[in-house]
Amino acid sequence: MKIKAFFGVLCVQILLFSSLIVPPAFSQKAGPGIKKYRVETLPFKNLTQQKYQLKLIHPYSFRLKTIQKSLVALKFKKKDIFNVKKGRIFNNDLVKRLAPLIQKQFTKASSNQRVAFKIFNASRSTYLEGDTFLTAEGLHWRFTTLRDIRWGIEDFSISGEPWVLVLQKGQTYKQRYWKGTQVAQDIVNWVILQNIPLSNSRRLPELPPTASSPNHKTSAKKSTAAVIKKRLHILEQLREDNAINDKEYARKRREILGQF
């Protein structure tokens, strides 16, 4: 009788314990370990710029907080077999790592370049990929890979969207107009943050393109020196206007001088 009673109590305890376990469909998995990440400026296709009438405001000196807040504000929704998953695209660790790199690349990007980012997980496969650029519409963010799932821009396949960006306050989707019509369709992996404050004082003069011949190199060097001098003057004005603090001023000054 004692043995039966013991097993009865044990079964009850097992049932109680199992009821506390969260079903896999609703449990939160830890994000994959980030093995490597890359942020760089890449050419923007002329056809894409013409198609969407994009006039890039590059180079541009963003406040670090502006980039950080933008990364935090980007959210997604993904459907799987059991439920709908929602969340931030960039966790706090990624925001801390990527924001300064994105900020720096914006100061280097030309009017024909975008700031691209790519993040790899522990297995070295692409975990997240996309780009960002600035126009008069706002700060654009496009994603082609999210949580290891690739999905191209303007991929309106019949299988549906594997994931979508979820609009927050001050955000809108970029739209595609069907050829020969006024019918527009949202591109749900391309969002524009419209609440980004733009300032002419933060627009930087574009560095001249480099050339291979000695004469062109000398000319380009002189032009670059003039541009850098102008950038330093703008930077000094930003500090005088309290737009940046002394620490930001010193760091940006080193970056500008490092380009010469």
C-alpha atoms as a PDB file:
ATOM      1  CA  MET A   1       0.000   0.000   0.000  1.00  0.00           C
ATOM      2  CA  LYS A   2       2.858   2.340   0.857  1.00  0.00           C
ATOM      3  CA  ILE A   3       4.469   1.657  -2.539  1.00  0.00           C
ATOM      4  CA  LYS A   4       1.193   2.417  -4.368  1.00  0.00           C
ATOM      5  CA  ALA A   5       0.757   5.614  -2.346  1.00  0.00           C
ATOM      6  CA  PHE A   6       4.336   6.662  -3.153  1.00  0.00           C
ATOM      7  CA  PHE A   7       3.823   6.153  -6.887  1.00  0.00           C
ATOM      8  CA  GLY A   8       0.519   8.001  -6.713  1.00  0.00           C
ATOM      9  CA  VAL A   9       2.154  11.056  -5.125  1.00  0.00           C
ATOM     10  CA  LEU A  10       5.018  10.844  -7.626  1.00  0.00           C
ATOM     11  CA  CYS A  11       2.612  10.814 -10.592  1.00  0.00           C
ATOM     12  CA  VAL A  12       0.783  13.854  -9.224  1.00  0.00           C
ATOM     13  CA  GLN A  13       4.089  15.719  -8.814  1.00  0.00           C
ATOM     14  CA  ILE A  14       5.127  14.864 -12.382  1.00  0.00           C
ATOM     15  CA  LEU A  15       1.793  16.106 -13.731  1.00  0.00           C
ATOM     16  CA  LEU A  16       2.055  19.331 -11.741  1.00  0.00           C
ATOM     17  CA  PHE A  17       5.637  19.914 -12.925  1.00  0.00           C
ATOM     18  CA  SER A  18       4.779  19.198 -16.560  1.00  0.00           C
ATOM     19  CA  SER A  19       1.937  21.717 -16.428  1.00  0.00           C
ATOM     20  CA  LEU A  20       4.483  24.430 -15.615  1.00  0.00           C
ATOM     21  CA  ILE A  21       6.577  23.746 -18.717  1.00  0.00           C
ATOM     22  CA  VAL A  22       5.925  26.268 -21.501  1.00  0.00           C
ATOM     23  CA  PRO A  23       4.954  24.586 -24.795  1.00  0.00           C
ATOM     24  CA  PRO A  24       7.671  24.921 -27.471  1.00  0.00           C
ATOM     25  CA  ALA A  25       5.402  27.012 -29.719  1.00  0.00           C
ATOM     26  CA  PHE A  26       5.199  29.752 -27.092  1.00  0.00           C
ATOM     27  CA  SER A  27       8.637  29.561 -25.517  1.00  0.00           C
ATOM     28  CA  GLN A  28      11.163  32.294 -26.230  1.00  0.00           C
ATOM     29  CA  LYS A  29      14.387  30.990 -27.682  1.00  0.00           C
ATOM     30  CA  ALA A  30      17.629  32.800 -27.060  1.00  0.00           C
ATOM     31  CA  GLY A  31      18.985  34.530 -30.145  1.00  0.00           C
ATOM     32  CA  PRO A  32      21.808  32.820 -31.997  1.00  0.00           C
ATOM     33  CA  GLY A  33      25.340  33.735 -31.024  1.00  0.00           C
ATOM     34  CA  ILE A  34      26.630  36.428 -33.335  1.00  0.00           C
ATOM     35  CA  LYS A  35      29.859  35.217 -34.867  1.00  0.00           C
ATOM     36  CA  LYS A  36      30.654  38.081 -37.220  1.00  0.00           C
ATOM     37  CA  TYR A  37      29.119  41.252 -38.610  1.00  0.00           C
ATOM     38  CA  ARG A  38      30.014  43.738 -41.310  1.00  0.00           C
ATOM     39  CA  VAL A  39      28.960  47.328 -42.043  1.00  0.00           C
ATOM     40  CA  GLU A  40      30.176  49.017 -45.227  1.00  0.00           C
ATOM     41  CA  THR A  41      29.259  51.405 -48.027  1.00  0.00           C
ATOM     42  CA  LEU A  42      28.216  49.740 -51.282  1.00  0.00           C
ATOM     43  CA  PRO A  43      27.192  51.163 -54.671  1.00  0.00           C
ATOM     44  CA  PHE A  44      23.513  51.944 -55.181  1.00  0.00           C
ATOM     45  CA  LYS A  45      22.229  50.782 -58.555  1.00  0.00           C
ATOM     46  CA  ASN A  46      21.333  53.721 -60.788  1.00  0.00           C
ATOM     47  CA  LEU A  47      18.274  51.876 -62.093  1.00  0.00           C
ATOM     48  CA  THR A  48      16.930  51.474 -58.554  1.00  0.00           C
ATOM     49  CA  GLN A  49      17.523  55.136 -57.767  1.00  0.00           C
ATOM     50  CA  GLN A  50      15.749  56.179 -60.959  1.00  0.00           C
ATOM     51  CA  LYS A  51      12.866  53.743 -60.506  1.00  0.00           C
ATOM     52  CA  TYR A  52      12.053  54.988 -57.005  1.00  0.00           C
ATOM     53  CA  GLN A  53      13.244  58.567 -57.589  1.00  0.00           C
ATOM     54  CA  LEU A  54      15.742  58.344 -54.761  1.00  0.00           C
ATOM     55  CA  LYS A  55      18.036  61.294 -54.189  1.00  0.00           C
ATOM     56  CA  LEU A  56      20.417  60.325 -51.407  1.00  0.00           C
ATOM     57  CA  ILE A  57      21.482  62.888 -48.821  1.00  0.00           C
ATOM     58  CA  HIS A  58      24.984  61.499 -48.348  1.00  0.00           C
ATOM     59  CA  PRO A  59      27.381  61.966 -46.683  1.00  0.00           C
ATOM     60  CA  TYR A  60      25.571  62.900 -43.487  1.00  0.00           C
ATOM     61  CA  SER A  61      26.639  63.257 -39.864  1.00  0.00           C
ATOM     62  CA  PHE A  62      24.024  61.572 -37.672  1.00  0.00           C
ATOM     63  CA  ARG A  63      23.895  61.799 -33.915  1.00  0.00           C
ATOM     64  CA  LEU A  64      24.671  58.389 -32.440  1.00  0.00           C
ATOM     65  CA  LYS A  65      21.381  58.496 -30.492  1.00  0.00           C
ATOM     66  CA  THR A  66      19.435  58.940 -33.735  1.00  0.00           C
ATOM     67  CA  ILE A  67      20.864  55.720 -35.174  1.00  0.00           C
ATOM     68  CA  GLN A  68      20.375  53.870 -31.885  1.00  0.00           C
ATOM     69  CA  LYS A  69      16.713  54.905 -31.627  1.00  0.00           C
ATOM     70  CA  SER A  70      16.133  53.942 -35.257  1.00  0.00           C
ATOM     71  CA  LEU A  71      17.520  50.445 -34.701  1.00  0.00           C
ATOM     72  CA  VAL A  72      15.373  49.976 -31.590  1.00  0.00           C
ATOM     73  CA  ALA A  73      12.251  51.125 -33.487  1.00  0.00           C
ATOM     74  CA  LEU A  74      12.546  48.467 -36.213  1.00  0.00           C
ATOM     75  CA  LYS A  75      10.198  45.533 -35.546  1.00  0.00           C
ATOM     76  CA  PHE A  76       9.045  42.461 -37.443  1.00  0.00           C
ATOM     77  CA  LYS A  77       6.347  39.803 -37.520  1.00  0.00           C
ATOM     78  CA  LYS A  78       6.914  36.238 -38.665  1.00  0.00           C
ATOM     79  CA  LYS A  79       4.435  33.406 -39.034  1.00  0.00           C
ATOM     80  CA  ASP A  80       5.268  29.787 -38.371  1.00  0.00           C
ATOM     81  CA  ILE A  81       3.224  26.599 -38.081  1.00  0.00           C
ATOM     82  CA  PHE A  82       2.089  27.225 -34.514  1.00  0.00           C
ATOM     83  CA  ASN A  83       1.925  30.971 -33.928  1.00  0.00           C
ATOM     84  CA  VAL A  84       2.919  34.469 -34.972  1.00  0.00           C
ATOM     85  CA  LYS A  85       6.235  35.733 -33.650  1.00  0.00           C
ATOM     86  CA  LYS A  86       6.792  39.433 -33.122  1.00  0.00           C
ATOM     87  CA  GLY A  87       9.768  41.345 -31.858  1.00  0.00           C
ATOM     88  CA  ARG A  88      12.600  43.757 -32.408  1.00  0.00           C
ATOM     89  CA  ILE A  89      14.970  43.148 -35.293  1.00  0.00           C
ATOM     90  CA  PHE A  90      18.012  44.420 -33.397  1.00  0.00           C
ATOM     91  CA  ASN A  91      18.450  43.460 -29.745  1.00  0.00           C
ATOM     92  CA  ASN A  92      20.339  45.707 -27.324  1.00  0.00           C
ATOM     93  CA  ASP A  93      23.659  43.993 -27.988  1.00  0.00           C
ATOM     94  CA  LEU A  94      23.368  44.506 -31.759  1.00  0.00           C
ATOM     95  CA  VAL A  95      22.308  48.126 -31.281  1.00  0.00           C
ATOM     96  CA  LYS A  96      25.410  48.730 -29.179  1.00  0.00           C
ATOM     97  CA  ARG A  97      27.695  47.094 -31.743  1.00  0.00           C
ATOM     98  CA  LEU A  98      26.217  48.338 -35.006  1.00  0.00           C
ATOM     99  CA  ALA A  99      25.043  51.897 -34.289  1.00  0.00           C
ATOM    100  CA  PRO A 100      28.555  53.472 -34.159  1.00  0.00           C
ATOM    101  CA  LEU A 101      29.589  51.615 -37.332  1.00  0.00           C
ATOM    102  CA  ILE A 102      26.479  52.712 -39.240  1.00  0.00           C
ATOM    103  CA  GLN A 103      26.953  56.281 -38.019  1.00  0.00           C
ATOM    104  CA  LYS A 104      30.557  56.267 -39.262  1.00  0.00           C
ATOM    105  CA  GLN A 105      29.686  54.835 -42.688  1.00  0.00           C
ATOM    106  CA  PHE A 106      27.079  57.557 -43.251  1.00  0.00           C
ATOM    107  CA  THR A 107      29.856  60.157 -42.983  1.00  0.00           C
ATOM    108  CA  LYS A 108      31.788  58.303 -45.716  1.00  0.00           C
ATOM    109  CA  ALA A 109      28.961  57.360 -48.096  1.00  0.00           C
ATOM    110  CA  SER A 110      28.688  59.219 -51.388  1.00  0.00           C
ATOM    111  CA  SER A 111      25.449  60.280 -53.074  1.00  0.00           C
ATOM    112  CA  ASN A 112      25.548  56.988 -55.015  1.00  0.00           C
ATOM    113  CA  GLN A 113      26.237  54.670 -52.087  1.00  0.00           C
ATOM    114  CA  ARG A 114      24.132  52.941 -49.449  1.00  0.00           C
ATOM    115  CA  VAL A 115      25.178  51.743 -45.992  1.00  0.00           C
ATOM    116  CA  ALA A 116      24.920  47.940 -46.006  1.00  0.00           C
ATOM    117  CA  PHE A 117      25.048  45.573 -43.039  1.00  0.00           C
ATOM    118  CA  LYS A 118      25.344  41.810 -42.777  1.00  0.00           C
ATOM    119  CA  ILE A 119      25.285  39.673 -39.645  1.00  0.00           C
ATOM    120  CA  PHE A 120      26.340  36.033 -39.426  1.00  0.00           C
ATOM    121  CA  ASN A 121      25.309  33.543 -36.770  1.00  0.00           C
ATOM    122  CA  ALA A 122      27.486  30.968 -35.016  1.00  0.00           C
ATOM    123  CA  SER A 123      27.164  28.541 -37.942  1.00  0.00           C
ATOM    124  CA  ARG A 124      28.435  31.326 -40.264  1.00  0.00           C
ATOM    125  CA  SER A 125      25.227  31.524 -42.256  1.00  0.00           C
ATOM    126  CA  THR A 126      23.574  34.900 -42.876  1.00  0.00           C
ATOM    127  CA  TYR A 127      21.304  35.759 -39.952  1.00  0.00           C
ATOM    128  CA  LEU A 128      20.399  39.312 -40.967  1.00  0.00           C
ATOM    129  CA  GLU A 129      21.111  41.408 -44.054  1.00  0.00           C
ATOM    130  CA  GLY A 130      19.951  44.766 -45.338  1.00  0.00           C
ATOM    131  CA  ASP A 131      20.867  48.375 -45.949  1.00  0.00           C
ATOM    132  CA  THR A 132      19.971  51.916 -44.976  1.00  0.00           C
ATOM    133  CA  PHE A 133      20.128  55.295 -46.691  1.00  0.00           C
ATOM    134  CA  LEU A 134      18.810  58.825 -46.255  1.00  0.00           C
ATOM    135  CA  THR A 135      16.531  60.841 -48.552  1.00  0.00           C
ATOM    136  CA  ALA A 136      14.167  63.774 -48.081  1.00  0.00           C
ATOM    137  CA  GLU A 137      11.438  61.167 -47.333  1.00  0.00           C
ATOM    138  CA  GLY A 138      13.323  59.972 -44.268  1.00  0.00           C
ATOM    139  CA  LEU A 139      15.716  57.229 -43.195  1.00  0.00           C
ATOM    140  CA  HIS A 140      15.160  54.094 -45.286  1.00  0.00           C
ATOM    141  CA  TRP A 141      15.723  50.552 -43.999  1.00  0.00           C
ATOM    142  CA  ARG A 142      15.535  47.533 -46.331  1.00  0.00           C
ATOM    143  CA  PHE A 143      15.933  43.909 -45.274  1.00  0.00           C
ATOM    144  CA  THR A 144      16.597  40.911 -47.524  1.00  0.00           C
ATOM    145  CA  THR A 145      17.409  38.344 -44.818  1.00  0.00           C
ATOM    146  CA  LEU A 146      15.844  38.153 -41.367  1.00  0.00           C
ATOM    147  CA  ARG A 147      16.298  35.338 -38.847  1.00  0.00           C
ATOM    148  CA  ASP A 148      18.087  33.237 -41.526  1.00  0.00           C
ATOM    149  CA  ILE A 149      15.166  33.558 -43.979  1.00  0.00           C
ATOM    150  CA  ARG A 150      15.975  35.320 -47.257  1.00  0.00           C
ATOM    151  CA  TRP A 151      13.361  37.396 -49.044  1.00  0.00           C
ATOM    152  CA  GLY A 152      14.165  39.779 -51.876  1.00  0.00           C
ATOM    153  CA  ILE A 153      12.894  43.321 -52.299  1.00  0.00           C
ATOM    154  CA  GLU A 154       9.746  43.293 -54.464  1.00  0.00           C
ATOM    155  CA  ASP A 155       9.389  39.525 -54.169  1.00  0.00           C
ATOM    156  CA  PHE A 156       5.599  39.279 -54.426  1.00  0.00           C
ATOM    157  CA  SER A 157       5.491  35.490 -54.725  1.00  0.00           C
ATOM    158  CA  ILE A 158       2.247  33.543 -54.390  1.00  0.00           C
ATOM    159  CA  SER A 159       3.629  31.750 -51.342  1.00  0.00           C
ATOM    160  CA  GLY A 160       3.233  34.973 -49.375  1.00  0.00           C
ATOM    161  CA  GLU A 161       5.581  36.880 -47.119  1.00  0.00           C
ATOM    162  CA  PRO A 162       7.785  34.808 -44.795  1.00  0.00           C
ATOM    163  CA  TRP A 163       8.003  37.859 -42.524  1.00  0.00           C
ATOM    164  CA  VAL A 164       7.050  41.538 -42.603  1.00  0.00           C
ATOM    165  CA  LEU A 165       8.275  44.710 -40.962  1.00  0.00           C
ATOM    166  CA  VAL A 166       5.697  46.024 -38.494  1.00  0.00           C
ATOM    167  CA  LEU A 167       5.109  49.759 -38.800  1.00  0.00           C
ATOM    168  CA  GLN A 168       5.551  51.902 -35.701  1.00  0.00           C
ATOM    169  CA  LYS A 169       4.622  55.542 -35.160  1.00  0.00           C
ATOM    170  CA  GLY A 170       6.304  57.765 -37.745  1.00  0.00           C
ATOM    171  CA  GLN A 171       7.046  54.875 -40.136  1.00  0.00           C
ATOM    172  CA  THR A 172       5.673  53.990 -43.557  1.00  0.00           C
ATOM    173  CA  TYR A 173       6.282  51.351 -46.222  1.00  0.00           C
ATOM    174  CA  LYS A 174       7.927  52.201 -49.512  1.00  0.00           C
ATOM    175  CA  GLN A 175       5.445  51.623 -52.319  1.00  0.00           C
ATOM    176  CA  ARG A 176       5.780  50.105 -55.751  1.00  0.00           C
ATOM    177  CA  TYR A 177       3.541  51.338 -58.567  1.00  0.00           C
ATOM    178  CA  TRP A 178       2.562  48.772 -61.171  1.00  0.00           C
ATOM    179  CA  LYS A 179       3.735  49.741 -64.634  1.00  0.00           C
ATOM    180  CA  GLY A 180       1.247  51.860 -66.568  1.00  0.00           C
ATOM    181  CA  THR A 181      -1.121  52.201 -63.603  1.00  0.00           C
ATOM    182  CA  GLN A 182      -1.614  54.218 -60.453  1.00  0.00           C
ATOM    183  CA  VAL A 183      -2.037  51.034 -58.418  1.00  0.00           C
ATOM    184  CA  ALA A 184       0.429  50.986 -55.525  1.00  0.00           C
ATOM    185  CA  GLN A 185       1.557  48.062 -53.419  1.00  0.00           C
ATOM    186  CA  ASP A 186       3.407  48.236 -50.111  1.00  0.00           C
ATOM    187  CA  ILE A 187       6.906  46.772 -50.025  1.00  0.00           C
ATOM    188  CA  VAL A 188       6.730  45.308 -46.545  1.00  0.00           C
ATOM    189  CA  ASN A 189      10.450  44.662 -46.125  1.00  0.00           C
ATOM    190  CA  TRP A 190      11.299  48.313 -46.867  1.00  0.00           C
ATOM    191  CA  VAL A 191      10.314  50.957 -44.304  1.00  0.00           C
ATOM    192  CA  ILE A 192      10.953  54.677 -44.092  1.00  0.00           C
ATOM    193  CA  LEU A 193      11.389  56.382 -40.729  1.00  0.00           C
ATOM    194  CA  GLN A 194       9.806  59.780 -41.318  1.00  0.00           C
ATOM    195  CA  ASN A 195      10.418  61.227 -37.859  1.00  0.00           C
ATOM    196  CA  ILE A 196      14.169  61.676 -38.401  1.00  0.00           C
ATOM    197  CA  PRO A 197      15.126  65.350 -37.904  1.00  0.00           C
ATOM    198  CA  LEU A 198      17.205  66.595 -40.852  1.00  0.00           C
ATOM    199  CA  SER A 199      19.604  69.503 -40.564  1.00  0.00           C
ATOM    200  CA  ASN A 200      21.588  71.206 -43.316  1.00  0.00           C
ATOM    201  CA  SER A 201      24.388  71.783 -40.816  1.00  0.00           C
ATOM    202  CA  ARG A 202      24.873  68.002 -40.601  1.00  0.00           C
ATOM    203  CA  ARG A 203      25.162  67.518 -44.350  1.00  0.00           C
ATOM    204  CA  LEU A 204      28.779  66.912 -45.256  1.00  0.00           C
ATOM    205  CA  PRO A 205      30.527  67.840 -48.522  1.00  0.00           C
ATOM    206  CA  GLU A 206      31.138  64.821 -50.707  1.00  0.00           C
ATOM    207  CA  LEU A 207      34.699  63.583 -51.098  1.00  0.00           C
ATOM    208  CA  PRO A 208      35.969  63.675 -54.714  1.00  0.00           C
ATOM    209  CA  PRO A 209      36.393  60.311 -56.504  1.00  0.00           C
ATOM    210  CA  THR A 210      39.914  58.912 -56.664  1.00  0.00           C
ATOM    211  CA  ALA A 211      41.756  58.538 -59.983  1.00  0.00           C
ATOM    212  CA  SER A 212      44.766  56.491 -61.091  1.00  0.00           C
ATOM    213  CA  SER A 213      46.909  58.949 -63.090  1.00  0.00           C
ATOM    214  CA  PRO A 214      49.543  61.062 -61.214  1.00  0.00           C
ATOM    215  CA  ASN A 215      47.974  64.370 -62.301  1.00  0.00           C
ATOM    216  CA  HIS A 216      44.534  63.238 -61.238  1.00  0.00           C
ATOM    217  CA  LYS A 217      45.936  61.967 -57.945  1.00  0.00           C
ATOM    218  CA  THR A 218      47.503  65.356 -57.195  1.00  0.00           C
ATOM    219  CA  SER A 219      44.305  67.161 -58.130  1.00  0.00           C
ATOM    220  CA  ALA A 220      42.181  64.736 -56.113  1.00  0.00           C
ATOM    221  CA  LYS A 221      44.488  65.151 -53.119  1.00  0.00           C
ATOM    222  CA  LYS A 222      44.078  68.940 -53.213  1.00  0.00           C
ATOM    223  CA  SER A 223      40.307  68.613 -53.588  1.00  0.00           C
ATOM    224  CA  THR A 224      40.180  66.136 -50.723  1.00  0.00           C
ATOM    225  CA  ALA A 225      42.175  68.493 -48.506  1.00  0.00           C
ATOM    226  CA  ALA A 226      39.733  71.318 -49.271  1.00  0.00           C
ATOM    227  CA  VAL A 227      36.734  69.104 -48.528  1.00  0.00           C
ATOM    228  CA  ILE A 228      38.234  67.877 -45.264  1.00  0.00           C
ATOM    229  CA  LYS A 229      38.973  71.465 -44.249  1.00  0.00           C
ATOM    230  CA  LYS A 230      35.313  72.293 -44.886  1.00  0.00           C
ATOM    231  CA  ARG A 231      34.196  69.242 -42.900  1.00  0.00           C
ATOM    232  CA  LEU A 232      36.349  70.303 -39.959  1.00  0.00           C
ATOM    233  CA  HIS A 233      34.808  73.770 -40.119  1.00  0.00           C
ATOM    234  CA  ILE A 234      31.283  72.272 -40.058  1.00  0.00           C
ATOM    235  CA  LEU A 235      32.315  70.048 -37.164  1.00  0.00           C
ATOM    236  CA  GLU A 236      33.575  73.068 -35.247  1.00  0.00           C
ATOM    237  CA  GLN A 237      30.237  74.810 -35.825  1.00  0.00           C
ATOM    238  CA  LEU A 238      28.347  71.778 -34.520  1.00  0.00           C
ATOM    239  CA  ARG A 239      30.368  71.879 -31.324  1.00  0.00           C
ATOM    240  CA  GLU A 240      29.854  75.627 -30.893  1.00  0.00           C
ATOM    241  CA  ASP A 241      26.095  75.121 -31.352  1.00  0.00           C
ATOM    242  CA  ASN A 242      26.189  72.347 -28.707  1.00  0.00           C
ATOM    243  CA  ALA A 243      24.935  69.881 -31.329  1.00  0.00           C
ATOM    244  CA  ILE A 244      27.768  67.545 -30.321  1.00  0.00           C
ATOM    245  CA  ASN A 245      29.829  67.287 -27.152  1.00  0.00           C
ATOM    246  CA  ASP A 246      33.629  67.436 -26.860  1.00  0.00           C
ATOM    247  CA  LYS A 247      33.955  63.657 -26.914  1.00  0.00           C
ATOM    248  CA  GLU A 248      31.944  63.359 -30.150  1.00  0.00           C
ATOM    249  CA  TYR A 249      33.896  66.269 -31.617  1.00  0.00           C
ATOM    250  CA  ALA A 250      37.262  64.625 -30.905  1.00  0.00           C
ATOM    251  CA  ARG A 251      36.143  61.270 -32.295  1.00  0.00           C
ATOM    252  CA  LYS A 252      34.657  62.731 -35.500  1.00  0.00           C
ATOM    253  CA  ARG A 253      37.728  64.929 -36.001  1.00  0.00           C
ATOM    254  CA  ARG A 254      39.951  61.837 -35.895  1.00  0.00           C
ATOM    255  CA  GLU A 255      37.662  60.118 -38.408  1.00  0.00           C
ATOM    256  CA  ILE A 256      37.772  63.066 -40.813  1.00  0.00           C
ATOM    257  CA  LEU A 257      41.550  63.436 -40.601  1.00  0.00           C
ATOM    258  CA  GLY A 258      41.922  59.687 -41.048  1.00  0.00           C
ATOM    259  CA  GLN A 259      40.307  59.945 -44.487  1.00  0.00           C
ATOM    260  CA  PHE A 260      43.130  62.149 -45.798  1.00  0.00           C
END
